[in-house]
Amino acid sequence: MKKLYVGNLPFSATEVQVNELFSKHGTVHSVALINDRDTGRPRGFGFVEMDDGGAQAAIQGLNGHSMDNRELRVNEATDRPRGSGGGSRW
């Protein structure tokens, strides 16, 4: 199973819409759209977990795909190092 990063999502996108879009390329195990923790508003990106073959097909088929006039950026997610919250040390 692979985790995909999906960027430049329309702020109106729902998990159901993203699931339907990606399921055309393979089995979707989960969809998580990220919201701002302070305002609760969508941040315009999320993550999709899919089987390996479906993930590759989704990257090829959906990277650059237009969703509500926004070109999606789809690639394999990379783990961000822990502790890089950007806060001050003081």
PDB file of N, CA and C in Angstrom:
ATOM      1  N   MET A   1       0.840  -1.166   0.000  1.00  0.00           N
ATOM      2  CA  MET A   1       0.000   0.000   0.000  1.00  0.00           C
ATOM      3  C   MET A   1       0.894   1.240   0.000  1.00  0.00           C
ATOM      4  N   LYS A   2       0.448   2.259  -0.755  1.00  0.00           N
ATOM      5  CA  LYS A   2       1.205   3.507  -0.849  1.00  0.00           C
ATOM      6  C   LYS A   2       0.331   4.667  -0.406  1.00  0.00           C
ATOM      7  N   LYS A   3       1.002   5.665   0.163  1.00  0.00           N
ATOM      8  CA  LYS A   3       0.329   6.905   0.549  1.00  0.00           C
ATOM      9  C   LYS A   3       0.700   7.962  -0.476  1.00  0.00           C
ATOM     10  N   LEU A   4      -0.328   8.604  -1.026  1.00  0.00           N
ATOM     11  CA  LEU A   4      -0.124   9.632  -2.030  1.00  0.00           C
ATOM     12  C   LEU A   4      -0.426  10.997  -1.446  1.00  0.00           C
ATOM     13  N   TYR A   5       0.374  11.972  -1.828  1.00  0.00           N
ATOM     14  CA  TYR A   5       0.119  13.369  -1.509  1.00  0.00           C
ATOM     15  C   TYR A   5      -0.713  13.936  -2.655  1.00  0.00           C
ATOM     16  N   VAL A   6      -1.776  14.647  -2.320  1.00  0.00           N
ATOM     17  CA  VAL A   6      -2.623  15.292  -3.324  1.00  0.00           C
ATOM     18  C   VAL A   6      -2.659  16.779  -2.998  1.00  0.00           C
ATOM     19  N   GLY A   7      -2.022  17.578  -3.819  1.00  0.00           N
ATOM     20  CA  GLY A   7      -1.939  19.008  -3.579  1.00  0.00           C
ATOM     21  C   GLY A   7      -2.751  19.810  -4.571  1.00  0.00           C
ATOM     22  N   ASN A   8      -2.970  21.074  -4.236  1.00  0.00           N
ATOM     23  CA  ASN A   8      -3.706  22.030  -5.046  1.00  0.00           C
ATOM     24  C   ASN A   8      -5.172  21.628  -5.212  1.00  0.00           C
ATOM     25  N   LEU A   9      -5.721  20.972  -4.183  1.00  0.00           N
ATOM     26  CA  LEU A   9      -7.133  20.614  -4.209  1.00  0.00           C
ATOM     27  C   LEU A   9      -7.995  21.864  -4.077  1.00  0.00           C
ATOM     28  N   PRO A  10      -9.155  21.873  -4.735  1.00  0.00           N
ATOM     29  CA  PRO A  10     -10.076  22.985  -4.503  1.00  0.00           C
ATOM     30  C   PRO A  10     -10.510  22.964  -3.033  1.00  0.00           C
ATOM     31  N   PHE A  11     -10.710  24.118  -2.449  1.00  0.00           N
ATOM     32  CA  PHE A  11     -11.096  24.175  -1.040  1.00  0.00           C
ATOM     33  C   PHE A  11     -12.475  23.574  -0.812  1.00  0.00           C
ATOM     34  N   SER A  12     -13.251  23.428  -1.881  1.00  0.00           N
ATOM     35  CA  SER A  12     -14.584  22.839  -1.772  1.00  0.00           C
ATOM     36  C   SER A  12     -14.577  21.318  -1.888  1.00  0.00           C
ATOM     37  N   ALA A  13     -13.429  20.718  -2.177  1.00  0.00           N
ATOM     38  CA  ALA A  13     -13.350  19.263  -2.369  1.00  0.00           C
ATOM     39  C   ALA A  13     -13.709  18.526  -1.083  1.00  0.00           C
ATOM     40  N   THR A  14     -14.416  17.395  -1.247  1.00  0.00           N
ATOM     41  CA  THR A  14     -14.775  16.550  -0.113  1.00  0.00           C
ATOM     42  C   THR A  14     -14.029  15.228  -0.218  1.00  0.00           C
ATOM     43  N   GLU A  15     -13.972  14.519   0.903  1.00  0.00           N
ATOM     44  CA  GLU A  15     -13.324  13.206   0.894  1.00  0.00           C
ATOM     45  C   GLU A  15     -14.049  12.256  -0.052  1.00  0.00           C
ATOM     46  N   VAL A  16     -15.359  12.365  -0.146  1.00  0.00           N
ATOM     47  CA  VAL A  16     -16.132  11.506  -1.046  1.00  0.00           C
ATOM     48  C   VAL A  16     -15.743  11.776  -2.500  1.00  0.00           C
ATOM     49  N   GLN A  17     -15.623  13.048  -2.878  1.00  0.00           N
ATOM     50  CA  GLN A  17     -15.234  13.388  -4.250  1.00  0.00           C
ATOM     51  C   GLN A  17     -13.843  12.878  -4.585  1.00  0.00           C
ATOM     52  N   VAL A  18     -12.910  13.051  -3.663  1.00  0.00           N
ATOM     53  CA  VAL A  18     -11.538  12.595  -3.888  1.00  0.00           C
ATOM     54  C   VAL A  18     -11.505  11.068  -3.979  1.00  0.00           C
ATOM     55  N   ASN A  19     -12.256  10.399  -3.125  1.00  0.00           N
ATOM     56  CA  ASN A  19     -12.334   8.935  -3.161  1.00  0.00           C
ATOM     57  C   ASN A  19     -12.858   8.470  -4.518  1.00  0.00           C
ATOM     58  N   GLU A  20     -13.930   9.083  -4.991  1.00  0.00           N
ATOM     59  CA  GLU A  20     -14.500   8.694  -6.286  1.00  0.00           C
ATOM     60  C   GLU A  20     -13.498   8.910  -7.421  1.00  0.00           C
ATOM     61  N   LEU A  21     -12.788  10.015  -7.400  1.00  0.00           N
ATOM     62  CA  LEU A  21     -11.811  10.321  -8.442  1.00  0.00           C
ATOM     63  C   LEU A  21     -10.688   9.283  -8.459  1.00  0.00           C
ATOM     64  N   PHE A  22     -10.140   8.969  -7.290  1.00  0.00           N
ATOM     65  CA  PHE A  22      -9.015   8.047  -7.217  1.00  0.00           C
ATOM     66  C   PHE A  22      -9.434   6.591  -7.409  1.00  0.00           C
ATOM     67  N   SER A  23     -10.656   6.246  -7.053  1.00  0.00           N
ATOM     68  CA  SER A  23     -11.098   4.852  -7.172  1.00  0.00           C
ATOM     69  C   SER A  23     -11.220   4.407  -8.625  1.00  0.00           C
ATOM     70  N   LYS A  24     -11.204   5.360  -9.557  1.00  0.00           N
ATOM     71  CA  LYS A  24     -11.193   5.007 -10.985  1.00  0.00           C
ATOM     72  C   LYS A  24      -9.877   4.346 -11.379  1.00  0.00           C
ATOM     73  N   HIS A  25      -8.854   4.487 -10.540  1.00  0.00           N
ATOM     74  CA  HIS A  25      -7.518   3.971 -10.848  1.00  0.00           C
ATOM     75  C   HIS A  25      -7.133   2.779  -9.985  1.00  0.00           C
ATOM     76  N   GLY A  26      -7.934   2.438  -8.979  1.00  0.00           N
ATOM     77  CA  GLY A  26      -7.623   1.309  -8.106  1.00  0.00           C
ATOM     78  C   GLY A  26      -8.381   1.409  -6.793  1.00  0.00           C
ATOM     79  N   THR A  27      -8.080   0.485  -5.902  1.00  0.00           N
ATOM     80  CA  THR A  27      -8.757   0.431  -4.611  1.00  0.00           C
ATOM     81  C   THR A  27      -8.210   1.502  -3.671  1.00  0.00           C
ATOM     82  N   VAL A  28      -9.106   2.335  -3.175  1.00  0.00           N
ATOM     83  CA  VAL A  28      -8.751   3.385  -2.222  1.00  0.00           C
ATOM     84  C   VAL A  28      -9.016   2.852  -0.818  1.00  0.00           C
ATOM     85  N   HIS A  29      -8.006   2.919   0.039  1.00  0.00           N
ATOM     86  CA  HIS A  29      -8.152   2.455   1.422  1.00  0.00           C
ATOM     87  C   HIS A  29      -8.525   3.587   2.365  1.00  0.00           C
ATOM     88  N   SER A  30      -8.032   4.791   2.098  1.00  0.00           N
ATOM     89  CA  SER A  30      -8.397   5.926   2.954  1.00  0.00           C
ATOM     90  C   SER A  30      -8.121   7.239   2.236  1.00  0.00           C
ATOM     91  N   VAL A  31      -8.875   8.258   2.643  1.00  0.00           N
ATOM     92  CA  VAL A  31      -8.700   9.620   2.153  1.00  0.00           C
ATOM     93  C   VAL A  31      -8.711  10.527   3.373  1.00  0.00           C
ATOM     94  N   ALA A  32      -7.728  11.416   3.464  1.00  0.00           N
ATOM     95  CA  ALA A  32      -7.679  12.387   4.561  1.00  0.00           C
ATOM     96  C   ALA A  32      -7.367  13.759   3.972  1.00  0.00           C
ATOM     97  N   LEU A  33      -8.327  14.677   4.067  1.00  0.00           N
ATOM     98  CA  LEU A  33      -8.106  16.055   3.637  1.00  0.00           C
ATOM     99  C   LEU A  33      -7.730  16.865   4.866  1.00  0.00           C
ATOM    100  N   ILE A  34      -6.730  17.709   4.731  1.00  0.00           N
ATOM    101  CA  ILE A  34      -6.157  18.425   5.872  1.00  0.00           C
ATOM    102  C   ILE A  34      -6.824  19.786   6.038  1.00  0.00           C
ATOM    103  N   ASN A  35      -7.222  20.061   7.278  1.00  0.00           N
ATOM    104  CA  ASN A  35      -7.811  21.354   7.639  1.00  0.00           C
ATOM    105  C   ASN A  35      -6.856  22.111   8.542  1.00  0.00           C
ATOM    106  N   ASP A  36      -6.949  23.442   8.500  1.00  0.00           N
ATOM    107  CA  ASP A  36      -6.173  24.288   9.391  1.00  0.00           C
ATOM    108  C   ASP A  36      -6.645  24.049  10.821  1.00  0.00           C
ATOM    109  N   ARG A  37      -5.721  23.818  11.735  1.00  0.00           N
ATOM    110  CA  ARG A  37      -6.126  23.485  13.107  1.00  0.00           C
ATOM    111  C   ARG A  37      -6.724  24.672  13.854  1.00  0.00           C
ATOM    112  N   ASP A  38      -6.375  25.905  13.440  1.00  0.00           N
ATOM    113  CA  ASP A  38      -6.923  27.076  14.121  1.00  0.00           C
ATOM    114  C   ASP A  38      -8.296  27.486  13.591  1.00  0.00           C
ATOM    115  N   THR A  39      -8.448  27.470  12.265  1.00  0.00           N
ATOM    116  CA  THR A  39      -9.694  27.957  11.673  1.00  0.00           C
ATOM    117  C   THR A  39     -10.648  26.839  11.265  1.00  0.00           C
ATOM    118  N   GLY A  40     -10.113  25.621  11.082  1.00  0.00           N
ATOM    119  CA  GLY A  40     -10.937  24.509  10.620  1.00  0.00           C
ATOM    120  C   GLY A  40     -11.190  24.527   9.120  1.00  0.00           C
ATOM    121  N   ARG A  41     -10.630  25.505   8.428  1.00  0.00           N
ATOM    122  CA  ARG A  41     -10.817  25.600   6.978  1.00  0.00           C
ATOM    123  C   ARG A  41      -9.875  24.642   6.256  1.00  0.00           C
ATOM    124  N   PRO A  42     -10.307  24.164   5.070  1.00  0.00           N
ATOM    125  CA  PRO A  42      -9.441  23.272   4.284  1.00  0.00           C
ATOM    126  C   PRO A  42      -8.147  23.966   3.889  1.00  0.00           C
ATOM    127  N   ARG A  43      -7.060  23.184   3.862  1.00  0.00           N
ATOM    128  CA  ARG A  43      -5.754  23.736   3.487  1.00  0.00           C
ATOM    129  C   ARG A  43      -5.424  23.490   2.018  1.00  0.00           C
ATOM    130  N   GLY A  44      -6.246  22.723   1.311  1.00  0.00           N
ATOM    131  CA  GLY A  44      -6.028  22.512  -0.118  1.00  0.00           C
ATOM    132  C   GLY A  44      -5.128  21.346  -0.451  1.00  0.00           C
ATOM    133  N   PHE A  45      -4.914  20.453   0.507  1.00  0.00           N
ATOM    134  CA  PHE A  45      -4.157  19.236   0.210  1.00  0.00           C
ATOM    135  C   PHE A  45      -4.645  18.105   1.096  1.00  0.00           C
ATOM    136  N   GLY A  46      -4.212  16.906   0.743  1.00  0.00           N
ATOM    137  CA  GLY A  46      -4.614  15.743   1.523  1.00  0.00           C
ATOM    138  C   GLY A  46      -3.787  14.533   1.136  1.00  0.00           C
ATOM    139  N   PHE A  47      -4.213  13.386   1.651  1.00  0.00           N
ATOM    140  CA  PHE A  47      -3.498  12.139   1.425  1.00  0.00           C
ATOM    141  C   PHE A  47      -4.491  11.040   1.077  1.00  0.00           C
ATOM    142  N   VAL A  48      -4.074  10.166   0.156  1.00  0.00           N
ATOM    143  CA  VAL A  48      -4.884   9.032  -0.265  1.00  0.00           C
ATOM    144  C   VAL A  48      -4.020   7.788  -0.136  1.00  0.00           C
ATOM    145  N   GLU A  49      -4.543   6.745   0.499  1.00  0.00           N
ATOM    146  CA  GLU A  49      -3.835   5.463   0.576  1.00  0.00           C
ATOM    147  C   GLU A  49      -4.483   4.491  -0.391  1.00  0.00           C
ATOM    148  N   MET A  50      -3.636   3.883  -1.240  1.00  0.00           N
ATOM    149  CA  MET A  50      -4.097   2.956  -2.272  1.00  0.00           C
ATOM    150  C   MET A  50      -3.144   1.773  -2.377  1.00  0.00           C
ATOM    151  N   ASP A  51      -3.626   0.702  -3.039  1.00  0.00           N
ATOM    152  CA  ASP A  51      -2.740  -0.405  -3.376  1.00  0.00           C
ATOM    153  C   ASP A  51      -1.648   0.110  -4.310  1.00  0.00           C
ATOM    154  N   ASP A  52      -0.497  -0.561  -4.307  1.00  0.00           N
ATOM    155  CA  ASP A  52       0.656  -0.092  -5.072  1.00  0.00           C
ATOM    156  C   ASP A  52       0.353   0.161  -6.549  1.00  0.00           C
ATOM    157  N   GLY A  53      -0.270  -0.801  -7.222  1.00  0.00           N
ATOM    158  CA  GLY A  53      -0.563  -0.649  -8.652  1.00  0.00           C
ATOM    159  C   GLY A  53      -1.523   0.489  -8.919  1.00  0.00           C
ATOM    160  N   GLY A  54      -2.546   0.618  -8.106  1.00  0.00           N
ATOM    161  CA  GLY A  54      -3.509   1.700  -8.250  1.00  0.00           C
ATOM    162  C   GLY A  54      -2.880   3.046  -7.983  1.00  0.00           C
ATOM    163  N   ALA A  55      -1.964   3.082  -7.036  1.00  0.00           N
ATOM    164  CA  ALA A  55      -1.287   4.338  -6.701  1.00  0.00           C
ATOM    165  C   ALA A  55      -0.483   4.833  -7.897  1.00  0.00           C
ATOM    166  N   GLN A  56       0.253   3.937  -8.543  1.00  0.00           N
ATOM    167  CA  GLN A  56       1.044   4.343  -9.713  1.00  0.00           C
ATOM    168  C   GLN A  56       0.133   4.827 -10.829  1.00  0.00           C
ATOM    169  N   ALA A  57      -0.977   4.127 -11.041  1.00  0.00           N
ATOM    170  CA  ALA A  57      -1.925   4.527 -12.083  1.00  0.00           C
ATOM    171  C   ALA A  57      -2.539   5.889 -11.756  1.00  0.00           C
ATOM    172  N   ALA A  58      -2.830   6.128 -10.485  1.00  0.00           N
ATOM    173  CA  ALA A  58      -3.414   7.411 -10.069  1.00  0.00           C
ATOM    174  C   ALA A  58      -2.423   8.552 -10.260  1.00  0.00           C
ATOM    175  N   ILE A  59      -1.155   8.308  -9.934  1.00  0.00           N
ATOM    176  CA  ILE A  59      -0.133   9.346 -10.138  1.00  0.00           C
ATOM    177  C   ILE A  59      -0.068   9.716 -11.617  1.00  0.00           C
ATOM    178  N   GLN A  60      -0.004   8.705 -12.466  1.00  0.00           N
ATOM    179  CA  GLN A  60       0.110   8.965 -13.904  1.00  0.00           C
ATOM    180  C   GLN A  60      -1.156   9.593 -14.472  1.00  0.00           C
ATOM    181  N   GLY A  61      -2.314   9.153 -13.974  1.00  0.00           N
ATOM    182  CA  GLY A  61      -3.567   9.628 -14.540  1.00  0.00           C
ATOM    183  C   GLY A  61      -4.082  10.936 -13.966  1.00  0.00           C
ATOM    184  N   LEU A  62      -3.702  11.254 -12.717  1.00  0.00           N
ATOM    185  CA  LEU A  62      -4.310  12.408 -12.060  1.00  0.00           C
ATOM    186  C   LEU A  62      -3.362  13.574 -11.805  1.00  0.00           C
ATOM    187  N   ASN A  63      -2.053  13.368 -11.909  1.00  0.00           N
ATOM    188  CA  ASN A  63      -1.126  14.485 -11.738  1.00  0.00           C
ATOM    189  C   ASN A  63      -1.348  15.457 -12.898  1.00  0.00           C
ATOM    190  N   GLY A  64      -1.749  16.684 -12.587  1.00  0.00           N
ATOM    191  CA  GLY A  64      -2.058  17.667 -13.609  1.00  0.00           C
ATOM    192  C   GLY A  64      -3.532  17.685 -14.001  1.00  0.00           C
ATOM    193  N   HIS A  65      -4.314  16.746 -13.473  1.00  0.00           N
ATOM    194  CA  HIS A  65      -5.754  16.680 -13.750  1.00  0.00           C
ATOM    195  C   HIS A  65      -6.443  17.916 -13.186  1.00  0.00           C
ATOM    196  N   SER A  66      -7.373  18.481 -13.943  1.00  0.00           N
ATOM    197  CA  SER A  66      -8.087  19.674 -13.508  1.00  0.00           C
ATOM    198  C   SER A  66      -9.311  19.280 -12.684  1.00  0.00           C
ATOM    199  N   MET A  67      -9.379  19.822 -11.476  1.00  0.00           N
ATOM    200  CA  MET A  67     -10.544  19.629 -10.605  1.00  0.00           C
ATOM    201  C   MET A  67     -11.009  21.018 -10.196  1.00  0.00           C
ATOM    202  N   ASP A  68     -12.179  21.414 -10.638  1.00  0.00           N
ATOM    203  CA  ASP A  68     -12.705  22.763 -10.385  1.00  0.00           C
ATOM    204  C   ASP A  68     -11.678  23.842 -10.772  1.00  0.00           C
ATOM    205  N   ASN A  69     -11.106  23.691 -11.959  1.00  0.00           N
ATOM    206  CA  ASN A  69     -10.140  24.651 -12.516  1.00  0.00           C
ATOM    207  C   ASN A  69      -8.837  24.750 -11.728  1.00  0.00           C
ATOM    208  N   ARG A  70      -8.502  23.707 -10.976  1.00  0.00           N
ATOM    209  CA  ARG A  70      -7.208  23.663 -10.278  1.00  0.00           C
ATOM    210  C   ARG A  70      -6.493  22.379 -10.710  1.00  0.00           C
ATOM    211  N   GLU A  71      -5.226  22.516 -11.108  1.00  0.00           N
ATOM    212  CA  GLU A  71      -4.448  21.351 -11.533  1.00  0.00           C
ATOM    213  C   GLU A  71      -3.908  20.624 -10.307  1.00  0.00           C
ATOM    214  N   LEU A  72      -4.340  19.376 -10.144  1.00  0.00           N
ATOM    215  CA  LEU A  72      -3.899  18.591  -8.990  1.00  0.00           C
ATOM    216  C   LEU A  72      -2.423  18.236  -9.112  1.00  0.00           C
ATOM    217  N   ARG A  73      -1.765  18.173  -7.979  1.00  0.00           N
ATOM    218  CA  ARG A  73      -0.399  17.646  -7.889  1.00  0.00           C
ATOM    219  C   ARG A  73      -0.503  16.343  -7.117  1.00  0.00           C
ATOM    220  N   VAL A  74      -0.161  15.257  -7.770  1.00  0.00           N
ATOM    221  CA  VAL A  74      -0.268  13.935  -7.156  1.00  0.00           C
ATOM    222  C   VAL A  74       1.083  13.253  -7.244  1.00  0.00           C
ATOM    223  N   ASN A  75       1.618  12.867  -6.091  1.00  0.00           N
ATOM    224  CA  ASN A  75       2.860  12.099  -6.065  1.00  0.00           C
ATOM    225  C   ASN A  75       2.902  11.260  -4.792  1.00  0.00           C
ATOM    226  N   GLU A  76       3.901  10.399  -4.721  1.00  0.00           N
ATOM    227  CA  GLU A  76       4.028   9.560  -3.536  1.00  0.00           C
ATOM    228  C   GLU A  76       4.434  10.426  -2.350  1.00  0.00           C
ATOM    229  N   ALA A  77       3.728  10.248  -1.244  1.00  0.00           N
ATOM    230  CA  ALA A  77       4.000  11.047  -0.045  1.00  0.00           C
ATOM    231  C   ALA A  77       5.325  10.610   0.568  1.00  0.00           C
ATOM    232  N   THR A  78       6.039  11.573   1.118  1.00  0.00           N
ATOM    233  CA  THR A  78       7.267  11.278   1.850  1.00  0.00           C
ATOM    234  C   THR A  78       7.054  11.673   3.300  1.00  0.00           C
ATOM    235  N   ASP A  79       7.625  10.911   4.196  1.00  0.00           N
ATOM    236  CA  ASP A  79       7.493  11.217   5.615  1.00  0.00           C
ATOM    237  C   ASP A  79       8.273  12.472   5.946  1.00  0.00           C
ATOM    238  N   ARG A  80       7.639  13.348   6.695  1.00  0.00           N
ATOM    239  CA  ARG A  80       8.301  14.571   7.147  1.00  0.00           C
ATOM    240  C   ARG A  80       9.012  14.259   8.447  1.00  0.00           C
ATOM    241  N   PRO A  81      10.231  14.740   8.602  1.00  0.00           N
ATOM    242  CA  PRO A  81      10.936  14.465   9.852  1.00  0.00           C
ATOM    243  C   PRO A  81      10.191  15.047  11.051  1.00  0.00           C
ATOM    244  N   ARG A  82      10.185  14.319  12.138  1.00  0.00           N
ATOM    245  CA  ARG A  82       9.532  14.783  13.372  1.00  0.00           C
ATOM    246  C   ARG A  82      10.270  15.978  13.942  1.00  0.00           C
ATOM    247  N   GLY A  83       9.536  16.830  14.627  1.00  0.00           N
ATOM    248  CA  GLY A  83      10.157  17.943  15.320  1.00  0.00           C
ATOM    249  C   GLY A  83      10.352  19.181  14.471  1.00  0.00           C
ATOM    250  N   SER A  84       9.896  19.161  13.215  1.00  0.00           N
ATOM    251  CA  SER A  84      10.080  20.332  12.385  1.00  0.00           C
ATOM    252  C   SER A  84       8.778  21.145  12.345  1.00  0.00           C
ATOM    253  N   GLY A  85       8.331  21.556  13.525  1.00  0.00           N
ATOM    254  CA  GLY A  85       7.095  22.297  13.621  1.00  0.00           C
ATOM    255  C   GLY A  85       7.232  23.758  13.298  1.00  0.00           C
ATOM    256  N   GLY A  86       8.441  24.272  13.194  1.00  0.00           N
ATOM    257  CA  GLY A  86       8.650  25.650  12.812  1.00  0.00           C
ATOM    258  C   GLY A  86       8.520  26.633  13.963  1.00  0.00           C
ATOM    259  N   GLY A  87       8.346  26.131  15.161  1.00  0.00           N
ATOM    260  CA  GLY A  87       8.202  27.014  16.314  1.00  0.00           C
ATOM    261  C   GLY A  87       9.540  27.538  16.801  1.00  0.00           C
ATOM    262  N   SER A  88       9.474  28.535  17.642  1.00  0.00           N
ATOM    263  CA  SER A  88      10.676  29.136  18.192  1.00  0.00           C
ATOM    264  C   SER A  88      11.230  28.284  19.320  1.00  0.00           C
ATOM    265  N   ARG A  89      12.525  28.319  19.534  1.00  0.00           N
ATOM    266  CA  ARG A  89      13.153  27.571  20.622  1.00  0.00           C
ATOM    267  C   ARG A  89      13.207  28.385  21.888  1.00  0.00           C
ATOM    268  N   TRP A  90      12.787  29.630  21.843  1.00  0.00           N
ATOM    269  CA  TRP A  90      12.905  30.505  22.992  1.00  0.00           C
ATOM    270  C   TRP A  90      11.765  30.344  23.903  1.00  0.00           C
TER     271      TRP A  90
END
